[in-house]
Amino acid sequence: MSEENLAIVQRFADRVNEQDIPGFLGLVDPEVEFHTFRGVERGLEGARRFAESNGPREHYLTHVVHEQAFDAGDQVVVFANIQRRWRETGELGDETRIGAVFTLRAGKVLRFQVFRDRDQALAAAGLTQGEQASSP
């Protein structure tokens, strides 16, 4: 199940990056919760708002890059960089390093929580920095 969960989490990021909203919504549970720096979104409409809020802007594009993934049973912890690149030049304008915890149920994302501190993300899933990492 863990390889499947890792693949689901990677597809989640891919669909956000591609702005494939229907594909993205197909990966989330109808009871999904998104806990982000902007607050909490719930359900499929909340998922839609989350995906759209990470879409292109007038002057920059947002792209999520996974660095590492840690399997924790029904949870996956991901270390990622959220990159914002200027449309005109493609240059990196800003980058935010995050940790995220995905809770999965029946092959769908049930909960997504973002942390600025990557160790907090590991702790939220009951892992420590020494746990074995898997590549997404």
N, C-alpha and C. Protein backbone atom coordinates (compact mmCIF):
# COMPACT_ATOMS: atom_id res chain seq x y z
N MET A 1 0.82 -1.20 0.00
CA MET A 1 0.00 0.00 0.00
C MET A 1 0.86 1.26 0.00
N SER A 2 2.05 1.21 0.61
CA SER A 2 2.85 2.43 0.74
C SER A 2 3.32 2.95 -0.62
N GLU A 3 3.71 2.07 -1.55
CA GLU A 3 4.11 2.53 -2.88
C GLU A 3 2.92 3.20 -3.57
N GLU A 4 1.74 2.65 -3.37
CA GLU A 4 0.54 3.25 -3.96
C GLU A 4 0.28 4.63 -3.36
N ASN A 5 0.43 4.75 -2.04
CA ASN A 5 0.23 6.05 -1.38
C ASN A 5 1.23 7.08 -1.87
N LEU A 6 2.48 6.67 -2.03
CA LEU A 6 3.51 7.58 -2.53
C LEU A 6 3.16 8.06 -3.94
N ALA A 7 2.64 7.14 -4.76
CA ALA A 7 2.27 7.50 -6.14
C ALA A 7 1.08 8.47 -6.14
N ILE A 8 0.11 8.26 -5.25
CA ILE A 8 -1.05 9.15 -5.16
C ILE A 8 -0.60 10.55 -4.78
N VAL A 9 0.30 10.64 -3.80
CA VAL A 9 0.79 11.94 -3.35
C VAL A 9 1.56 12.65 -4.47
N GLN A 10 2.32 11.92 -5.25
CA GLN A 10 3.03 12.54 -6.37
C GLN A 10 2.04 13.03 -7.42
N ARG A 11 1.01 12.23 -7.72
CA ARG A 11 -0.02 12.67 -8.68
C ARG A 11 -0.75 13.91 -8.19
N PHE A 12 -0.97 14.00 -6.87
CA PHE A 12 -1.59 15.18 -6.25
C PHE A 12 -0.81 16.43 -6.63
N ALA A 13 0.50 16.40 -6.43
CA ALA A 13 1.35 17.55 -6.78
C ALA A 13 1.35 17.79 -8.29
N ASP A 14 1.42 16.73 -9.07
CA ASP A 14 1.43 16.88 -10.53
C ASP A 14 0.16 17.56 -11.01
N ARG A 15 -0.99 17.15 -10.49
CA ARG A 15 -2.26 17.74 -10.92
C ARG A 15 -2.35 19.22 -10.52
N VAL A 16 -1.84 19.58 -9.34
CA VAL A 16 -1.81 20.99 -8.94
C VAL A 16 -0.91 21.76 -9.90
N ASN A 17 0.29 21.22 -10.17
CA ASN A 17 1.23 21.91 -11.06
C ASN A 17 0.65 22.09 -12.46
N GLU A 18 -0.10 21.11 -12.94
CA GLU A 18 -0.69 21.16 -14.28
C GLU A 18 -2.00 21.94 -14.31
N GLN A 19 -2.50 22.30 -13.14
CA GLN A 19 -3.82 22.92 -12.99
C GLN A 19 -4.91 22.04 -13.62
N ASP A 20 -4.76 20.73 -13.42
CA ASP A 20 -5.76 19.75 -13.86
C ASP A 20 -6.75 19.58 -12.71
N ILE A 21 -7.71 20.49 -12.62
CA ILE A 21 -8.65 20.50 -11.49
C ILE A 21 -9.49 19.22 -11.45
N PRO A 22 -10.08 18.76 -12.57
CA PRO A 22 -10.84 17.51 -12.50
C PRO A 22 -9.98 16.32 -12.05
N GLY A 23 -8.75 16.23 -12.57
CA GLY A 23 -7.85 15.15 -12.16
C GLY A 23 -7.49 15.26 -10.69
N PHE A 24 -7.27 16.48 -10.23
CA PHE A 24 -6.95 16.73 -8.83
C PHE A 24 -8.12 16.30 -7.94
N LEU A 25 -9.32 16.72 -8.29
CA LEU A 25 -10.50 16.38 -7.48
C LEU A 25 -10.74 14.87 -7.43
N GLY A 26 -10.31 14.16 -8.47
CA GLY A 26 -10.43 12.71 -8.47
C GLY A 26 -9.51 12.02 -7.48
N LEU A 27 -8.53 12.75 -6.96
CA LEU A 27 -7.57 12.17 -6.01
C LEU A 27 -7.94 12.41 -4.55
N VAL A 28 -8.97 13.23 -4.31
CA VAL A 28 -9.31 13.58 -2.93
C VAL A 28 -10.64 12.97 -2.51
N ASP A 29 -10.72 12.63 -1.23
CA ASP A 29 -11.93 12.11 -0.62
C ASP A 29 -12.97 13.24 -0.52
N PRO A 30 -14.24 12.96 -0.68
CA PRO A 30 -15.25 14.02 -0.54
C PRO A 30 -15.22 14.72 0.82
N GLU A 31 -14.67 14.07 1.84
CA GLU A 31 -14.58 14.66 3.17
C GLU A 31 -13.20 15.26 3.45
N VAL A 32 -12.44 15.54 2.41
CA VAL A 32 -11.07 16.03 2.55
C VAL A 32 -11.00 17.32 3.35
N GLU A 33 -9.88 17.48 4.06
CA GLU A 33 -9.57 18.72 4.78
C GLU A 33 -8.18 19.18 4.36
N PHE A 34 -8.06 20.48 4.05
CA PHE A 34 -6.79 21.10 3.72
C PHE A 34 -6.45 22.08 4.82
N HIS A 35 -5.35 21.84 5.52
CA HIS A 35 -4.87 22.74 6.58
C HIS A 35 -3.62 23.42 6.03
N THR A 36 -3.78 24.69 5.64
CA THR A 36 -2.67 25.42 5.02
C THR A 36 -2.38 26.68 5.82
N PHE A 37 -1.43 27.46 5.35
CA PHE A 37 -1.07 28.70 6.01
C PHE A 37 -2.20 29.72 5.94
N ARG A 38 -3.11 29.54 5.01
CA ARG A 38 -4.24 30.46 4.84
C ARG A 38 -5.48 30.03 5.61
N GLY A 39 -5.43 28.87 6.26
CA GLY A 39 -6.59 28.40 7.00
C GLY A 39 -6.98 26.99 6.58
N VAL A 40 -8.24 26.64 6.84
CA VAL A 40 -8.73 25.30 6.58
C VAL A 40 -9.80 25.35 5.49
N GLU A 41 -9.70 24.44 4.55
CA GLU A 41 -10.72 24.24 3.51
C GLU A 41 -11.22 22.80 3.65
N ARG A 42 -12.52 22.60 3.46
CA ARG A 42 -13.10 21.26 3.61
C ARG A 42 -13.94 20.88 2.39
N GLY A 43 -13.98 19.58 2.12
CA GLY A 43 -14.84 19.06 1.06
C GLY A 43 -14.30 19.34 -0.33
N LEU A 44 -15.07 18.90 -1.33
CA LEU A 44 -14.63 19.05 -2.72
C LEU A 44 -14.56 20.50 -3.16
N GLU A 45 -15.47 21.35 -2.68
CA GLU A 45 -15.38 22.77 -3.03
C GLU A 45 -14.16 23.41 -2.40
N GLY A 46 -13.84 23.01 -1.18
CA GLY A 46 -12.62 23.49 -0.54
C GLY A 46 -11.38 23.02 -1.30
N ALA A 47 -11.43 21.77 -1.79
CA ALA A 47 -10.32 21.24 -2.59
C ALA A 47 -10.16 22.05 -3.88
N ARG A 48 -11.26 22.38 -4.50
CA ARG A 48 -11.21 23.19 -5.72
C ARG A 48 -10.58 24.56 -5.43
N ARG A 49 -11.00 25.19 -4.33
CA ARG A 49 -10.43 26.50 -3.98
C ARG A 49 -8.93 26.38 -3.72
N PHE A 50 -8.53 25.31 -3.02
CA PHE A 50 -7.11 25.09 -2.75
C PHE A 50 -6.33 24.99 -4.06
N ALA A 51 -6.78 24.14 -4.97
CA ALA A 51 -6.07 23.93 -6.23
C ALA A 51 -6.01 25.22 -7.05
N GLU A 52 -7.13 25.93 -7.12
CA GLU A 52 -7.16 27.17 -7.90
C GLU A 52 -6.28 28.25 -7.28
N SER A 53 -6.17 28.26 -5.95
CA SER A 53 -5.35 29.28 -5.30
C SER A 53 -3.86 29.04 -5.54
N ASN A 54 -3.49 27.85 -5.96
CA ASN A 54 -2.10 27.54 -6.27
C ASN A 54 -1.82 27.61 -7.76
N GLY A 55 -2.74 28.18 -8.49
CA GLY A 55 -2.59 28.29 -9.94
C GLY A 55 -1.78 29.50 -10.35
N PRO A 56 -1.69 29.71 -11.66
CA PRO A 56 -0.91 30.83 -12.19
C PRO A 56 -1.49 32.18 -11.78
N ARG A 57 -0.61 33.13 -11.64
CA ARG A 57 -0.97 34.51 -11.33
C ARG A 57 -0.54 35.40 -12.50
N GLU A 58 -0.89 36.65 -12.42
CA GLU A 58 -0.59 37.56 -13.53
C GLU A 58 0.90 37.60 -13.84
N HIS A 59 1.74 37.64 -12.79
CA HIS A 59 3.18 37.84 -13.01
C HIS A 59 4.04 36.62 -12.69
N TYR A 60 3.46 35.58 -12.08
CA TYR A 60 4.29 34.43 -11.74
C TYR A 60 3.50 33.12 -11.82
N LEU A 61 4.25 32.03 -11.91
CA LEU A 61 3.71 30.68 -11.92
C LEU A 61 4.20 29.97 -10.66
N THR A 62 3.34 29.17 -10.07
CA THR A 62 3.70 28.40 -8.88
C THR A 62 3.90 26.95 -9.29
N HIS A 63 4.94 26.34 -8.73
CA HIS A 63 5.26 24.94 -9.03
C HIS A 63 5.73 24.25 -7.75
N VAL A 64 5.18 23.08 -7.46
CA VAL A 64 5.56 22.30 -6.28
C VAL A 64 6.58 21.25 -6.71
N VAL A 65 7.71 21.20 -6.01
CA VAL A 65 8.76 20.24 -6.31
C VAL A 65 8.97 19.37 -5.07
N HIS A 66 8.70 18.06 -5.19
CA HIS A 66 8.93 17.14 -4.07
C HIS A 66 10.42 16.81 -3.98
N GLU A 67 10.95 16.84 -2.75
CA GLU A 67 12.34 16.45 -2.51
C GLU A 67 12.42 15.03 -1.96
N GLN A 68 11.64 14.77 -0.92
CA GLN A 68 11.66 13.46 -0.25
C GLN A 68 10.26 13.12 0.21
N ALA A 69 9.99 11.81 0.31
CA ALA A 69 8.73 11.35 0.86
C ALA A 69 9.03 10.27 1.89
N PHE A 70 8.27 10.30 2.98
CA PHE A 70 8.44 9.35 4.07
C PHE A 70 7.12 8.59 4.25
N ASP A 71 7.18 7.29 4.16
CA ASP A 71 5.99 6.46 4.33
C ASP A 71 5.70 6.27 5.81
N ALA A 72 4.46 6.48 6.20
CA ALA A 72 4.04 6.28 7.60
C ALA A 72 2.68 5.58 7.63
N GLY A 73 2.57 4.46 6.92
CA GLY A 73 1.32 3.70 6.91
C GLY A 73 0.26 4.39 6.08
N ASP A 74 -0.79 4.89 6.75
CA ASP A 74 -1.85 5.59 6.01
C ASP A 74 -1.52 7.07 5.83
N GLN A 75 -0.30 7.44 6.19
CA GLN A 75 0.16 8.82 6.01
C GLN A 75 1.45 8.84 5.21
N VAL A 76 1.64 9.94 4.49
CA VAL A 76 2.88 10.19 3.78
C VAL A 76 3.33 11.59 4.15
N VAL A 77 4.60 11.72 4.54
CA VAL A 77 5.18 13.03 4.80
C VAL A 77 6.04 13.39 3.59
N VAL A 78 5.85 14.60 3.10
CA VAL A 78 6.61 15.07 1.94
C VAL A 78 7.37 16.33 2.31
N PHE A 79 8.64 16.37 1.95
CA PHE A 79 9.42 17.59 2.00
C PHE A 79 9.39 18.15 0.58
N ALA A 80 8.97 19.40 0.46
CA ALA A 80 8.82 19.99 -0.87
C ALA A 80 9.24 21.45 -0.86
N ASN A 81 9.42 21.97 -2.04
CA ASN A 81 9.67 23.39 -2.26
C ASN A 81 8.54 23.93 -3.12
N ILE A 82 7.97 25.03 -2.68
CA ILE A 82 6.97 25.72 -3.49
C ILE A 82 7.71 26.86 -4.18
N GLN A 83 7.83 26.74 -5.48
CA GLN A 83 8.59 27.72 -6.26
C GLN A 83 7.64 28.66 -6.99
N ARG A 84 8.01 29.92 -7.00
CA ARG A 84 7.29 30.92 -7.77
C ARG A 84 8.27 31.53 -8.76
N ARG A 85 7.95 31.38 -10.04
CA ARG A 85 8.84 31.86 -11.10
C ARG A 85 8.15 32.96 -11.89
N TRP A 86 8.93 33.97 -12.24
CA TRP A 86 8.42 35.09 -13.02
C TRP A 86 8.02 34.59 -14.41
N ARG A 87 6.84 34.96 -14.84
CA ARG A 87 6.35 34.56 -16.16
C ARG A 87 7.27 35.04 -17.28
N GLU A 88 7.70 36.29 -17.18
CA GLU A 88 8.45 36.91 -18.27
C GLU A 88 9.82 36.26 -18.49
N THR A 89 10.49 35.89 -17.41
CA THR A 89 11.87 35.41 -17.54
C THR A 89 12.05 33.94 -17.14
N GLY A 90 11.12 33.39 -16.37
CA GLY A 90 11.29 32.03 -15.87
C GLY A 90 12.20 31.95 -14.66
N GLU A 91 12.73 33.11 -14.24
CA GLU A 91 13.64 33.12 -13.09
C GLU A 91 12.87 32.84 -11.80
N LEU A 92 13.57 32.20 -10.87
CA LEU A 92 12.99 31.92 -9.57
C LEU A 92 12.87 33.21 -8.78
N GLY A 93 11.65 33.55 -8.40
CA GLY A 93 11.41 34.77 -7.63
C GLY A 93 11.32 34.51 -6.15
N ASP A 94 10.81 33.34 -5.79
CA ASP A 94 10.60 33.01 -4.38
C ASP A 94 10.49 31.50 -4.26
N GLU A 95 10.92 31.00 -3.10
CA GLU A 95 10.83 29.57 -2.84
C GLU A 95 10.54 29.37 -1.36
N THR A 96 9.56 28.52 -1.06
CA THR A 96 9.21 28.21 0.32
C THR A 96 9.41 26.73 0.55
N ARG A 97 10.24 26.40 1.53
CA ARG A 97 10.46 25.00 1.91
C ARG A 97 9.38 24.60 2.91
N ILE A 98 8.72 23.48 2.65
CA ILE A 98 7.65 23.03 3.54
C ILE A 98 7.79 21.55 3.84
N GLY A 99 7.06 21.14 4.85
CA GLY A 99 6.77 19.74 5.10
C GLY A 99 5.27 19.60 5.03
N ALA A 100 4.79 18.51 4.48
CA ALA A 100 3.35 18.29 4.38
C ALA A 100 3.03 16.87 4.79
N VAL A 101 1.90 16.71 5.47
CA VAL A 101 1.43 15.38 5.87
C VAL A 101 0.14 15.11 5.11
N PHE A 102 0.14 14.02 4.38
CA PHE A 102 -1.03 13.54 3.67
C PHE A 102 -1.58 12.33 4.42
N THR A 103 -2.85 12.34 4.73
CA THR A 103 -3.52 11.17 5.29
C THR A 103 -4.41 10.61 4.19
N LEU A 104 -4.27 9.32 3.93
CA LEU A 104 -5.01 8.70 2.85
C LEU A 104 -6.01 7.68 3.37
N ARG A 105 -7.12 7.56 2.64
CA ARG A 105 -8.15 6.57 2.96
C ARG A 105 -8.69 6.04 1.64
N ALA A 106 -8.64 4.73 1.50
CA ALA A 106 -9.18 4.06 0.31
C ALA A 106 -8.63 4.67 -0.98
N GLY A 107 -7.33 4.96 -1.00
CA GLY A 107 -6.69 5.45 -2.21
C GLY A 107 -6.93 6.91 -2.54
N LYS A 108 -7.44 7.68 -1.58
CA LYS A 108 -7.70 9.11 -1.81
C LYS A 108 -7.13 9.92 -0.65
N VAL A 109 -6.82 11.18 -0.92
CA VAL A 109 -6.31 12.08 0.11
C VAL A 109 -7.48 12.53 0.97
N LEU A 110 -7.40 12.21 2.27
CA LEU A 110 -8.43 12.58 3.22
C LEU A 110 -8.07 13.87 3.97
N ARG A 111 -6.77 14.07 4.20
CA ARG A 111 -6.32 15.25 4.94
C ARG A 111 -4.95 15.65 4.40
N PHE A 112 -4.75 16.96 4.29
CA PHE A 112 -3.49 17.54 3.83
C PHE A 112 -3.16 18.67 4.78
N GLN A 113 -1.98 18.57 5.41
CA GLN A 113 -1.59 19.61 6.36
C GLN A 113 -0.17 20.06 6.05
N VAL A 114 0.02 21.38 6.00
CA VAL A 114 1.32 21.96 5.66
C VAL A 114 1.98 22.52 6.90
N PHE A 115 3.31 22.35 6.97
CA PHE A 115 4.11 22.86 8.08
C PHE A 115 5.30 23.63 7.51
N ARG A 116 5.62 24.76 8.14
CA ARG A 116 6.83 25.49 7.75
C ARG A 116 8.08 24.76 8.25
N ASP A 117 7.96 24.10 9.38
CA ASP A 117 9.06 23.35 9.98
C ASP A 117 8.91 21.88 9.59
N ARG A 118 9.87 21.37 8.86
CA ARG A 118 9.79 20.00 8.36
C ARG A 118 9.80 18.97 9.49
N ASP A 119 10.52 19.24 10.58
CA ASP A 119 10.51 18.32 11.72
C ASP A 119 9.12 18.21 12.34
N GLN A 120 8.36 19.32 12.31
CA GLN A 120 6.99 19.27 12.82
C GLN A 120 6.12 18.36 11.95
N ALA A 121 6.35 18.36 10.67
CA ALA A 121 5.60 17.48 9.78
C ALA A 121 5.90 16.02 10.11
N LEU A 122 7.17 15.70 10.31
CA LEU A 122 7.53 14.34 10.69
C LEU A 122 6.88 13.95 12.00
N ALA A 123 6.95 14.84 12.98
CA ALA A 123 6.38 14.56 14.30
C ALA A 123 4.86 14.36 14.22
N ALA A 124 4.19 15.13 13.37
CA ALA A 124 2.73 15.00 13.23
C ALA A 124 2.34 13.62 12.72
N ALA A 125 3.24 12.97 11.98
CA ALA A 125 2.98 11.64 11.46
C ALA A 125 3.61 10.56 12.34
N GLY A 126 4.19 10.95 13.47
CA GLY A 126 4.81 9.98 14.38
C GLY A 126 6.15 9.48 13.91
N LEU A 127 6.84 10.26 13.08
CA LEU A 127 8.16 9.88 12.58
C LEU A 127 9.22 10.80 13.18
N THR A 128 10.48 10.39 13.02
CA THR A 128 11.60 11.22 13.42
C THR A 128 12.51 11.40 12.20
N GLN A 129 13.45 12.32 12.27
CA GLN A 129 14.33 12.60 11.15
C GLN A 129 15.09 11.37 10.70
N GLY A 130 15.32 10.43 11.56
CA GLY A 130 16.09 9.22 11.20
C GLY A 130 15.31 8.18 10.46
N GLU A 131 14.00 8.36 10.24
CA GLU A 131 13.20 7.36 9.53
C GLU A 131 13.67 7.24 8.08
N GLN A 132 13.49 6.06 7.54
CA GLN A 132 13.89 5.79 6.15
C GLN A 132 13.02 6.56 5.18
N ALA A 133 13.62 7.28 4.25
CA ALA A 133 12.89 8.06 3.25
C ALA A 133 12.69 7.24 1.98
N SER A 134 11.63 7.53 1.29
CA SER A 134 11.35 6.95 -0.03
C SER A 134 11.29 8.09 -1.02
N SER A 135 11.75 7.85 -2.22
CA SER A 135 11.66 8.89 -3.25
C SER A 135 10.31 8.84 -3.90
N PRO A 136 9.71 10.03 -4.13
CA PRO A 136 8.41 10.04 -4.81
C PRO A 136 8.55 9.70 -6.27
